[in-house]
N, C-alpha and C. Protein backbone atom coordinates (compact mmCIF):
# COMPACT_ATOMS: atom_id res chain seq x y z
N UNK A 1 -9.31 -73.93 -41.73
CA UNK A 1 -10.28 -75.00 -41.60
C UNK A 1 -9.97 -75.61 -43.28
N UNK A 2 -9.57 -76.61 -43.85
CA UNK A 2 -9.69 -77.31 -44.83
C UNK A 2 -10.79 -77.54 -45.13
N UNK A 3 -11.26 -77.02 -46.63
CA UNK A 3 -13.36 -78.26 -47.12
C UNK A 3 -12.51 -78.19 -48.59
N UNK A 4 -13.99 -78.96 -48.63
CA UNK A 4 -14.14 -80.18 -50.05
C UNK A 4 -14.82 -78.72 -50.90
N UNK A 5 -15.02 -77.69 -50.37
CA UNK A 5 -16.12 -76.76 -51.40
C UNK A 5 -15.58 -76.23 -52.99
N UNK A 6 -14.54 -76.36 -52.76
CA UNK A 6 -14.11 -76.22 -54.41
C UNK A 6 -14.23 -77.08 -55.22
N UNK A 7 -13.78 -78.49 -54.69
CA UNK A 7 -14.18 -79.80 -55.66
C UNK A 7 -15.61 -80.30 -55.58
N UNK A 8 -15.88 -79.83 -54.94
CA UNK A 8 -17.75 -80.09 -54.87
C UNK A 8 -18.36 -78.75 -55.87
N UNK A 9 -17.71 -77.82 -55.73
CA UNK A 9 -18.35 -76.59 -56.28
C UNK A 9 -18.25 -77.01 -57.74
N UNK A 10 -16.76 -77.42 -57.99
CA UNK A 10 -16.47 -77.60 -59.71
C UNK A 10 -17.66 -78.71 -59.99
N UNK A 11 -17.65 -79.52 -59.07
CA UNK A 11 -18.23 -80.99 -59.80
C UNK A 11 -19.48 -81.06 -60.12
N UNK A 12 -20.41 -79.94 -59.53
CA UNK A 12 -21.71 -79.38 -59.90
C UNK A 12 -21.62 -78.37 -61.26
N UNK A 13 -20.19 -78.03 -61.09
CA UNK A 13 -20.20 -77.02 -62.68
C UNK A 13 -20.61 -75.74 -62.47
N UNK A 14 -20.21 -75.23 -61.17
CA UNK A 14 -20.67 -73.55 -60.51
C UNK A 14 -19.46 -72.92 -60.40
N UNK A 15 -19.37 -72.00 -60.89
CA UNK A 15 -18.77 -70.71 -60.52
C UNK A 15 -18.87 -70.45 -58.87
N UNK A 16 -17.74 -69.80 -58.44
CA UNK A 16 -17.68 -69.12 -57.43
C UNK A 16 -19.19 -68.30 -57.26
N UNK A 17 -19.45 -67.63 -57.91
CA UNK A 17 -20.22 -66.31 -58.25
C UNK A 17 -21.84 -66.99 -57.80
N UNK A 18 -21.71 -68.17 -58.65
CA UNK A 18 -23.15 -69.26 -58.83
C UNK A 18 -23.10 -69.81 -57.43
N UNK A 19 -22.08 -70.35 -57.20
CA UNK A 19 -22.19 -70.97 -55.31
C UNK A 19 -22.65 -69.83 -54.26
N UNK A 20 -22.30 -68.44 -54.54
CA UNK A 20 -22.11 -67.50 -53.87
C UNK A 20 -23.82 -67.06 -53.50
N UNK A 21 -24.57 -67.07 -54.68
CA UNK A 21 -25.85 -66.87 -54.62
C UNK A 21 -26.54 -67.88 -54.39
N UNK A 22 -26.45 -69.08 -54.85
CA UNK A 22 -27.39 -70.47 -53.84
C UNK A 22 -26.89 -70.21 -52.28
N UNK A 23 -25.87 -69.58 -51.61
CA UNK A 23 -25.30 -69.63 -50.15
C UNK A 23 -25.70 -68.13 -49.68
N UNK A 24 -26.64 -66.97 -50.54
CA UNK A 24 -26.76 -65.95 -50.10
C UNK A 24 -25.11 -65.21 -49.69
N UNK A 25 -24.41 -65.56 -50.07
CA UNK A 25 -22.98 -65.02 -49.46
C UNK A 25 -22.08 -64.22 -50.81
N UNK A 26 -20.90 -63.51 -50.42
CA UNK A 26 -20.27 -62.76 -51.45
C UNK A 26 -19.51 -64.19 -52.14
N UNK A 27 -18.95 -63.29 -53.52
CA UNK A 27 -17.81 -64.72 -54.13
C UNK A 27 -17.08 -64.58 -53.51
N UNK A 28 -15.88 -63.61 -52.71
CA UNK A 28 -14.76 -63.26 -51.75
C UNK A 28 -15.31 -63.98 -50.69
N UNK A 29 -16.38 -64.26 -50.11
CA UNK A 29 -16.77 -65.09 -48.83
C UNK A 29 -16.25 -66.91 -49.39
N UNK A 30 -17.08 -67.10 -50.70
CA UNK A 30 -16.89 -68.44 -51.12
C UNK A 30 -15.21 -68.60 -51.25
N UNK A 31 -14.45 -67.90 -51.58
CA UNK A 31 -13.17 -67.86 -51.97
C UNK A 31 -12.50 -67.86 -51.14
N UNK A 32 -12.81 -67.10 -49.63
CA UNK A 32 -12.25 -67.56 -48.34
C UNK A 32 -12.35 -68.72 -47.99
N UNK A 33 -13.67 -69.38 -48.00
CA UNK A 33 -13.83 -70.81 -47.63
C UNK A 33 -13.12 -71.87 -48.38
N UNK A 34 -13.13 -71.72 -49.88
CA UNK A 34 -12.51 -72.13 -50.38
C UNK A 34 -10.47 -72.73 -50.01
N UNK A 35 -10.09 -71.84 -49.74
CA UNK A 35 -8.40 -71.50 -49.19
C UNK A 35 -8.19 -71.66 -47.74
N UNK A 36 -9.57 -71.73 -47.32
CA UNK A 36 -9.14 -71.97 -45.69
C UNK A 36 -9.14 -70.84 -44.77
N UNK A 37 -9.85 -69.71 -45.94
CA UNK A 37 -8.90 -68.45 -45.02
C UNK A 37 -10.42 -67.79 -44.06
N UNK A 38 -11.53 -68.26 -43.97
CA UNK A 38 -12.22 -67.96 -43.52
C UNK A 38 -12.96 -69.30 -42.82
N UNK A 39 -13.83 -69.23 -41.64
CA UNK A 39 -14.34 -70.63 -41.09
C UNK A 39 -15.75 -70.35 -41.05
N UNK A 40 -16.44 -70.72 -41.55
CA UNK A 40 -18.07 -70.70 -42.02
C UNK A 40 -18.51 -70.62 -40.43
N UNK A 41 -19.63 -69.92 -40.45
CA UNK A 41 -20.83 -70.21 -39.14
C UNK A 41 -21.28 -71.13 -39.50
N UNK A 42 -21.81 -71.51 -38.44
CA UNK A 42 -22.61 -72.73 -38.64
C UNK A 42 -23.71 -72.65 -38.82
N UNK A 43 -24.63 -72.00 -39.05
CA UNK A 43 -26.01 -71.79 -39.77
C UNK A 43 -25.48 -71.65 -41.41
N UNK A 44 -24.13 -71.26 -42.21
CA UNK A 44 -23.34 -71.14 -43.31
C UNK A 44 -23.13 -72.53 -43.77
N UNK A 45 -22.40 -73.04 -42.85
CA UNK A 45 -22.02 -74.91 -42.41
C UNK A 45 -22.65 -75.82 -43.12
N UNK A 46 -24.62 -75.17 -42.18
CA UNK A 46 -25.32 -76.28 -42.77
C UNK A 46 -25.85 -75.82 -44.05
N UNK A 47 -25.97 -74.79 -44.38
CA UNK A 47 -26.26 -74.16 -45.92
C UNK A 47 -25.67 -75.04 -46.97
N UNK A 48 -24.26 -75.14 -46.95
CA UNK A 48 -23.29 -75.80 -47.38
C UNK A 48 -23.60 -76.89 -47.65
N UNK A 49 -23.84 -77.56 -46.83
CA UNK A 49 -24.22 -79.09 -46.47
C UNK A 49 -25.34 -79.59 -47.31
N UNK A 50 -26.31 -79.05 -46.79
CA UNK A 50 -27.57 -79.40 -47.57
C UNK A 50 -27.68 -78.88 -49.15
N UNK A 51 -26.75 -78.09 -49.37
CA UNK A 51 -26.47 -77.64 -50.84
C UNK A 51 -25.96 -78.58 -52.02
N UNK A 52 -25.34 -79.47 -50.78
CA UNK A 52 -24.24 -80.30 -51.67
C UNK A 52 -24.36 -81.78 -51.27
N UNK A 53 -25.50 -81.70 -50.23
CA UNK A 53 -26.36 -83.11 -50.09
C UNK A 53 -25.31 -84.25 -49.41
N UNK A 54 -24.31 -83.39 -48.42
CA UNK A 54 -23.14 -83.84 -47.78
C UNK A 54 -23.52 -83.23 -46.51
N UNK A 55 -22.39 -84.41 -45.36
CA UNK A 55 -22.70 -83.72 -43.95
C UNK A 55 -21.78 -82.78 -44.04
N UNK A 56 -21.75 -82.21 -42.99
CA UNK A 56 -20.98 -80.95 -42.45
C UNK A 56 -19.42 -81.89 -42.60
N UNK A 57 -19.29 -82.36 -41.74
CA UNK A 57 -18.02 -83.36 -41.42
C UNK A 57 -17.08 -83.71 -42.70
N UNK A 58 -18.46 -84.28 -43.53
CA UNK A 58 -17.54 -84.77 -44.93
C UNK A 58 -17.24 -83.34 -46.14
N UNK A 59 -17.75 -82.54 -45.44
CA UNK A 59 -17.08 -80.76 -46.54
C UNK A 59 -16.03 -80.64 -45.84
N UNK A 60 -15.87 -79.89 -44.23
CA UNK A 60 -15.18 -78.73 -43.37
C UNK A 60 -14.31 -79.85 -42.92
N UNK A 61 -12.89 -79.86 -43.07
CA UNK A 61 -12.30 -81.29 -42.46
C UNK A 61 -10.78 -80.23 -41.76
N UNK A 62 -10.35 -80.93 -40.59
CA UNK A 62 -9.58 -80.26 -39.90
C UNK A 62 -8.27 -79.51 -40.54
N UNK A 63 -7.44 -79.06 -40.24
CA UNK A 63 -6.37 -78.52 -40.91
C UNK A 63 -5.53 -79.24 -41.07
N UNK A 64 -4.82 -80.02 -42.56
CA UNK A 64 -3.90 -81.01 -42.80
C UNK A 64 -4.34 -82.30 -42.78
N UNK A 65 -5.93 -82.66 -42.39
CA UNK A 65 -6.17 -83.77 -42.32
C UNK A 65 -7.33 -84.13 -43.50
N UNK A 66 -6.79 -84.99 -44.38
CA UNK A 66 -7.74 -84.82 -45.61
C UNK A 66 -8.82 -86.20 -45.41
N UNK A 67 -9.79 -85.77 -46.32
CA UNK A 67 -10.92 -86.98 -45.77
C UNK A 67 -10.55 -88.70 -46.03
N UNK A 68 -11.19 -89.49 -45.20
CA UNK A 68 -10.78 -90.91 -45.19
C UNK A 68 -11.33 -91.90 -46.24
N UNK A 69 -10.97 -92.80 -47.04
CA UNK A 69 -12.41 -93.45 -47.86
C UNK A 69 -13.23 -93.87 -47.36
N UNK A 70 -14.05 -93.74 -47.62
CA UNK A 70 -15.44 -94.04 -47.03
C UNK A 70 -16.06 -93.34 -46.16
N UNK A 71 -15.66 -92.17 -45.62
CA UNK A 71 -16.02 -91.06 -45.02
C UNK A 71 -17.10 -90.50 -45.39
C-alpha cells in the first residue's frame, strides 16, 4: 500500500525516530510504512491519521494510485 507518510512527516519536520515515538512503534515500522513494505493495522492507521490531522483515505492509497486533487 502506498502512503503519504514520508511527505507528511517531512512537512512536520520530524525524523523517522520522532514519528515512531509519537506513534509508539519502532523506527523500522515507520520506514516499512513509508516504503510500502508494511500495511498498518486499523488502530495504527487511525493513530497516523489523527496525528497528521488527515483522513485515513488521504494518507493510505491503493498501490499505484496517486491522490487526486481535492481529495
